[in-house]
N, C-alpha and C. Protein backbone atom coordinates (compact mmCIF):
# COMPACT_ATOMS: atom_id res chain seq x y z
N UNK A 1 -153.91 -72.91 -79.38
CA UNK A 1 -153.33 -72.43 -78.17
C UNK A 1 -152.17 -73.30 -77.70
N UNK A 2 -152.25 -74.61 -77.98
CA UNK A 2 -151.21 -75.53 -77.56
C UNK A 2 -149.91 -75.25 -78.30
N UNK A 3 -149.99 -74.83 -79.56
CA UNK A 3 -148.77 -74.54 -80.31
C UNK A 3 -148.08 -73.29 -79.78
N UNK A 4 -148.82 -72.33 -79.29
CA UNK A 4 -148.23 -71.12 -78.74
C UNK A 4 -147.47 -71.44 -77.46
N UNK A 5 -148.07 -72.28 -76.63
CA UNK A 5 -147.42 -72.67 -75.38
C UNK A 5 -146.15 -73.47 -75.67
N UNK A 6 -146.22 -74.37 -76.63
CA UNK A 6 -145.07 -75.18 -77.00
C UNK A 6 -143.97 -74.31 -77.60
N UNK A 7 -144.38 -73.36 -78.42
CA UNK A 7 -143.42 -72.46 -79.05
C UNK A 7 -142.71 -71.60 -78.01
N UNK A 8 -143.45 -71.05 -77.07
CA UNK A 8 -142.83 -70.21 -76.05
C UNK A 8 -141.96 -71.04 -75.12
N UNK A 9 -142.35 -72.29 -74.88
CA UNK A 9 -141.54 -73.18 -74.06
C UNK A 9 -140.21 -73.49 -74.74
N UNK A 10 -140.26 -73.72 -76.05
CA UNK A 10 -139.03 -73.97 -76.81
C UNK A 10 -138.14 -72.74 -76.83
N UNK A 11 -138.77 -71.56 -76.96
CA UNK A 11 -138.01 -70.31 -76.96
C UNK A 11 -137.34 -70.09 -75.62
N UNK A 12 -138.03 -70.37 -74.53
CA UNK A 12 -137.46 -70.23 -73.20
C UNK A 12 -136.29 -71.20 -73.01
N UNK A 13 -136.46 -72.44 -73.44
CA UNK A 13 -135.38 -73.43 -73.34
C UNK A 13 -134.17 -72.97 -74.14
N UNK A 14 -134.40 -72.48 -75.36
CA UNK A 14 -133.31 -71.99 -76.20
C UNK A 14 -132.58 -70.83 -75.50
N UNK A 15 -133.33 -69.89 -74.93
CA UNK A 15 -132.72 -68.75 -74.25
C UNK A 15 -131.88 -69.18 -73.04
N UNK A 16 -132.39 -70.12 -72.28
CA UNK A 16 -131.66 -70.60 -71.10
C UNK A 16 -130.39 -71.32 -71.53
N UNK A 17 -130.48 -72.18 -72.52
CA UNK A 17 -129.29 -72.90 -72.99
C UNK A 17 -128.26 -71.94 -73.60
N UNK A 18 -128.75 -70.94 -74.31
CA UNK A 18 -127.85 -69.94 -74.88
C UNK A 18 -127.12 -69.18 -73.77
N UNK A 19 -127.85 -68.80 -72.74
CA UNK A 19 -127.26 -68.08 -71.61
C UNK A 19 -126.21 -68.94 -70.90
N UNK A 20 -126.51 -70.19 -70.66
CA UNK A 20 -125.56 -71.10 -70.01
C UNK A 20 -124.32 -71.27 -70.88
N UNK A 21 -124.50 -71.46 -72.18
CA UNK A 21 -123.36 -71.60 -73.09
C UNK A 21 -122.49 -70.36 -73.13
N UNK A 22 -123.14 -69.19 -73.16
CA UNK A 22 -122.39 -67.94 -73.17
C UNK A 22 -121.59 -67.77 -71.88
N UNK A 23 -122.17 -68.14 -70.76
CA UNK A 23 -121.46 -68.04 -69.48
C UNK A 23 -120.26 -68.97 -69.45
N UNK A 24 -120.41 -70.18 -69.97
CA UNK A 24 -119.29 -71.13 -70.01
C UNK A 24 -118.15 -70.58 -70.86
N UNK A 25 -118.49 -70.01 -72.01
CA UNK A 25 -117.47 -69.43 -72.89
C UNK A 25 -116.77 -68.27 -72.20
N UNK A 26 -117.51 -67.40 -71.54
CA UNK A 26 -116.90 -66.26 -70.86
C UNK A 26 -115.98 -66.69 -69.72
N UNK A 27 -116.38 -67.66 -68.95
CA UNK A 27 -115.55 -68.14 -67.85
C UNK A 27 -114.28 -68.79 -68.40
N UNK A 28 -114.39 -69.55 -69.46
CA UNK A 28 -113.23 -70.20 -70.07
C UNK A 28 -112.25 -69.17 -70.61
N UNK A 29 -112.74 -68.20 -71.34
CA UNK A 29 -111.86 -67.16 -71.91
C UNK A 29 -111.21 -66.36 -70.79
N UNK A 30 -111.97 -66.03 -69.77
CA UNK A 30 -111.41 -65.29 -68.63
C UNK A 30 -110.31 -66.08 -67.94
N UNK A 31 -110.53 -67.36 -67.76
CA UNK A 31 -109.53 -68.22 -67.12
C UNK A 31 -108.26 -68.31 -67.95
N UNK A 32 -108.41 -68.49 -69.26
CA UNK A 32 -107.24 -68.57 -70.14
C UNK A 32 -106.49 -67.24 -70.16
N UNK A 33 -107.21 -66.15 -70.17
CA UNK A 33 -106.58 -64.83 -70.18
C UNK A 33 -105.78 -64.60 -68.90
N UNK A 34 -106.38 -64.95 -67.76
CA UNK A 34 -105.71 -64.77 -66.48
C UNK A 34 -104.47 -65.64 -66.39
N UNK A 35 -104.56 -66.87 -66.88
CA UNK A 35 -103.42 -67.78 -66.86
C UNK A 35 -102.29 -67.27 -67.73
N UNK A 36 -102.64 -66.69 -68.88
CA UNK A 36 -101.62 -66.16 -69.78
C UNK A 36 -100.89 -64.98 -69.14
N UNK A 37 -101.58 -64.23 -68.30
CA UNK A 37 -100.97 -63.08 -67.65
C UNK A 37 -100.04 -63.49 -66.51
N UNK A 38 -100.12 -64.71 -66.05
CA UNK A 38 -99.32 -65.16 -64.92
C UNK A 38 -97.94 -65.68 -65.31
N UNK A 39 -97.61 -65.68 -66.59
CA UNK A 39 -96.31 -66.18 -67.04
C UNK A 39 -95.37 -65.00 -67.21
N UNK A 40 -94.23 -65.08 -66.55
CA UNK A 40 -93.23 -64.03 -66.62
C UNK A 40 -91.99 -64.60 -67.30
N UNK A 41 -91.54 -63.96 -68.37
CA UNK A 41 -90.35 -64.41 -69.09
C UNK A 41 -89.14 -63.69 -68.49
N UNK A 42 -88.14 -64.48 -68.09
CA UNK A 42 -86.93 -63.94 -67.47
C UNK A 42 -85.71 -64.58 -68.12
N UNK A 43 -84.54 -63.93 -68.03
CA UNK A 43 -83.32 -64.55 -68.54
C UNK A 43 -82.98 -65.81 -67.73
N UNK A 44 -82.25 -66.71 -68.35
CA UNK A 44 -81.92 -67.98 -67.72
C UNK A 44 -81.14 -67.77 -66.43
N UNK A 45 -80.25 -66.79 -66.42
CA UNK A 45 -79.44 -66.55 -65.21
C UNK A 45 -80.32 -66.13 -64.04
N UNK A 46 -81.36 -65.36 -64.32
CA UNK A 46 -82.28 -64.95 -63.26
C UNK A 46 -83.07 -66.16 -62.73
N UNK A 47 -83.43 -67.07 -63.61
CA UNK A 47 -84.11 -68.29 -63.19
C UNK A 47 -83.19 -69.13 -62.31
N UNK A 48 -81.91 -69.22 -62.71
CA UNK A 48 -80.93 -69.96 -61.90
C UNK A 48 -80.78 -69.35 -60.50
N UNK A 49 -80.72 -68.04 -60.44
CA UNK A 49 -80.57 -67.36 -59.15
C UNK A 49 -81.80 -67.60 -58.26
N UNK A 50 -82.98 -67.51 -58.84
CA UNK A 50 -84.22 -67.74 -58.08
C UNK A 50 -84.29 -69.19 -57.61
N UNK A 51 -83.82 -70.11 -58.44
CA UNK A 51 -83.81 -71.53 -58.08
C UNK A 51 -82.83 -71.77 -56.93
N UNK A 52 -81.66 -71.17 -57.00
CA UNK A 52 -80.66 -71.34 -55.95
C UNK A 52 -81.13 -70.72 -54.63
N UNK A 53 -81.91 -69.65 -54.72
CA UNK A 53 -82.41 -68.98 -53.52
C UNK A 53 -83.63 -69.69 -52.93
N UNK A 54 -84.14 -70.68 -53.65
CA UNK A 54 -85.29 -71.43 -53.15
C UNK A 54 -86.63 -70.79 -53.47
N UNK A 55 -86.66 -69.85 -54.42
CA UNK A 55 -87.91 -69.19 -54.77
C UNK A 55 -88.71 -69.95 -55.83
N UNK A 56 -88.12 -70.95 -56.42
CA UNK A 56 -88.78 -71.72 -57.47
C UNK A 56 -89.15 -73.08 -56.90
N UNK A 57 -90.43 -73.43 -57.04
CA UNK A 57 -90.93 -74.69 -56.49
C UNK A 57 -90.63 -75.87 -57.42
N UNK A 58 -90.82 -75.66 -58.72
CA UNK A 58 -90.69 -76.76 -59.66
C UNK A 58 -90.13 -76.22 -60.96
N UNK A 59 -89.27 -77.01 -61.63
CA UNK A 59 -88.68 -76.61 -62.91
C UNK A 59 -88.88 -77.73 -63.92
N UNK A 60 -89.27 -77.35 -65.13
CA UNK A 60 -89.42 -78.30 -66.23
C UNK A 60 -88.56 -77.79 -67.37
N UNK A 61 -87.66 -78.64 -67.87
CA UNK A 61 -86.79 -78.29 -68.99
C UNK A 61 -87.27 -79.05 -70.21
N UNK A 62 -87.57 -78.31 -71.29
CA UNK A 62 -88.06 -78.97 -72.50
C UNK A 62 -86.92 -79.13 -73.50
N UNK A 63 -87.18 -79.88 -74.54
CA UNK A 63 -86.15 -80.12 -75.55
C UNK A 63 -86.00 -78.94 -76.51
N UNK A 64 -86.83 -77.91 -76.38
CA UNK A 64 -86.76 -76.74 -77.25
C UNK A 64 -86.04 -75.57 -76.58
N UNK A 65 -85.13 -75.87 -75.68
CA UNK A 65 -84.32 -74.86 -74.99
C UNK A 65 -85.16 -73.89 -74.17
N UNK A 66 -86.22 -74.40 -73.56
CA UNK A 66 -87.05 -73.59 -72.68
C UNK A 66 -87.08 -74.24 -71.29
N UNK A 67 -87.07 -73.40 -70.30
CA UNK A 67 -87.23 -73.86 -68.92
C UNK A 67 -88.44 -73.16 -68.35
N UNK A 68 -89.26 -73.90 -67.62
CA UNK A 68 -90.42 -73.32 -66.96
C UNK A 68 -90.36 -73.69 -65.49
N UNK A 69 -90.64 -72.72 -64.66
CA UNK A 69 -90.65 -72.96 -63.23
C UNK A 69 -91.88 -72.35 -62.61
N UNK A 70 -92.19 -72.79 -61.40
CA UNK A 70 -93.32 -72.25 -60.65
C UNK A 70 -92.78 -71.55 -59.41
N UNK A 71 -93.11 -70.27 -59.29
CA UNK A 71 -92.66 -69.48 -58.15
C UNK A 71 -93.39 -69.91 -56.89
N UNK A 72 -92.67 -70.01 -55.80
CA UNK A 72 -93.28 -70.40 -54.52
C UNK A 72 -94.16 -69.30 -53.96
N UNK A 73 -93.77 -68.06 -54.09
CA UNK A 73 -94.47 -66.95 -53.45
C UNK A 73 -95.77 -66.60 -54.15
N UNK A 74 -95.74 -66.43 -55.45
CA UNK A 74 -96.93 -65.93 -56.15
C UNK A 74 -97.64 -66.99 -56.96
N UNK A 75 -97.14 -68.21 -56.93
CA UNK A 75 -97.68 -69.27 -57.79
C UNK A 75 -97.72 -68.82 -59.24
N UNK A 76 -96.66 -68.12 -59.62
CA UNK A 76 -96.53 -67.57 -60.96
C UNK A 76 -95.60 -68.44 -61.77
N UNK A 77 -95.96 -68.68 -63.02
CA UNK A 77 -95.09 -69.42 -63.92
C UNK A 77 -93.97 -68.51 -64.39
N UNK A 78 -92.76 -69.05 -64.43
CA UNK A 78 -91.58 -68.32 -64.89
C UNK A 78 -91.01 -69.09 -66.06
N UNK A 79 -90.79 -68.42 -67.18
CA UNK A 79 -90.24 -69.07 -68.36
C UNK A 79 -88.92 -68.40 -68.68
N UNK A 80 -87.88 -69.19 -68.89
CA UNK A 80 -86.56 -68.65 -69.18
C UNK A 80 -86.18 -68.96 -70.62
N UNK A 81 -85.41 -68.09 -71.19
CA UNK A 81 -84.93 -68.29 -72.56
C UNK A 81 -83.44 -68.35 -72.59
């Protein structure tokens, strides 16, 4: 009888850990998906105009000819090419 109790206890622990792990994976994937949807690619001239108008909070220029900015209104990432 003790082995049955131990076996069911291990099965319950496995199920709980599996559920927690699955939830962590789902939340992570959902977060990454939502973040990927928040990036808007615009022409460089449009980024310049938004920056001059004060709609861009922060700009980062990389060495690979990319500019990234953060919109003040929607907290949306803007990437220019």
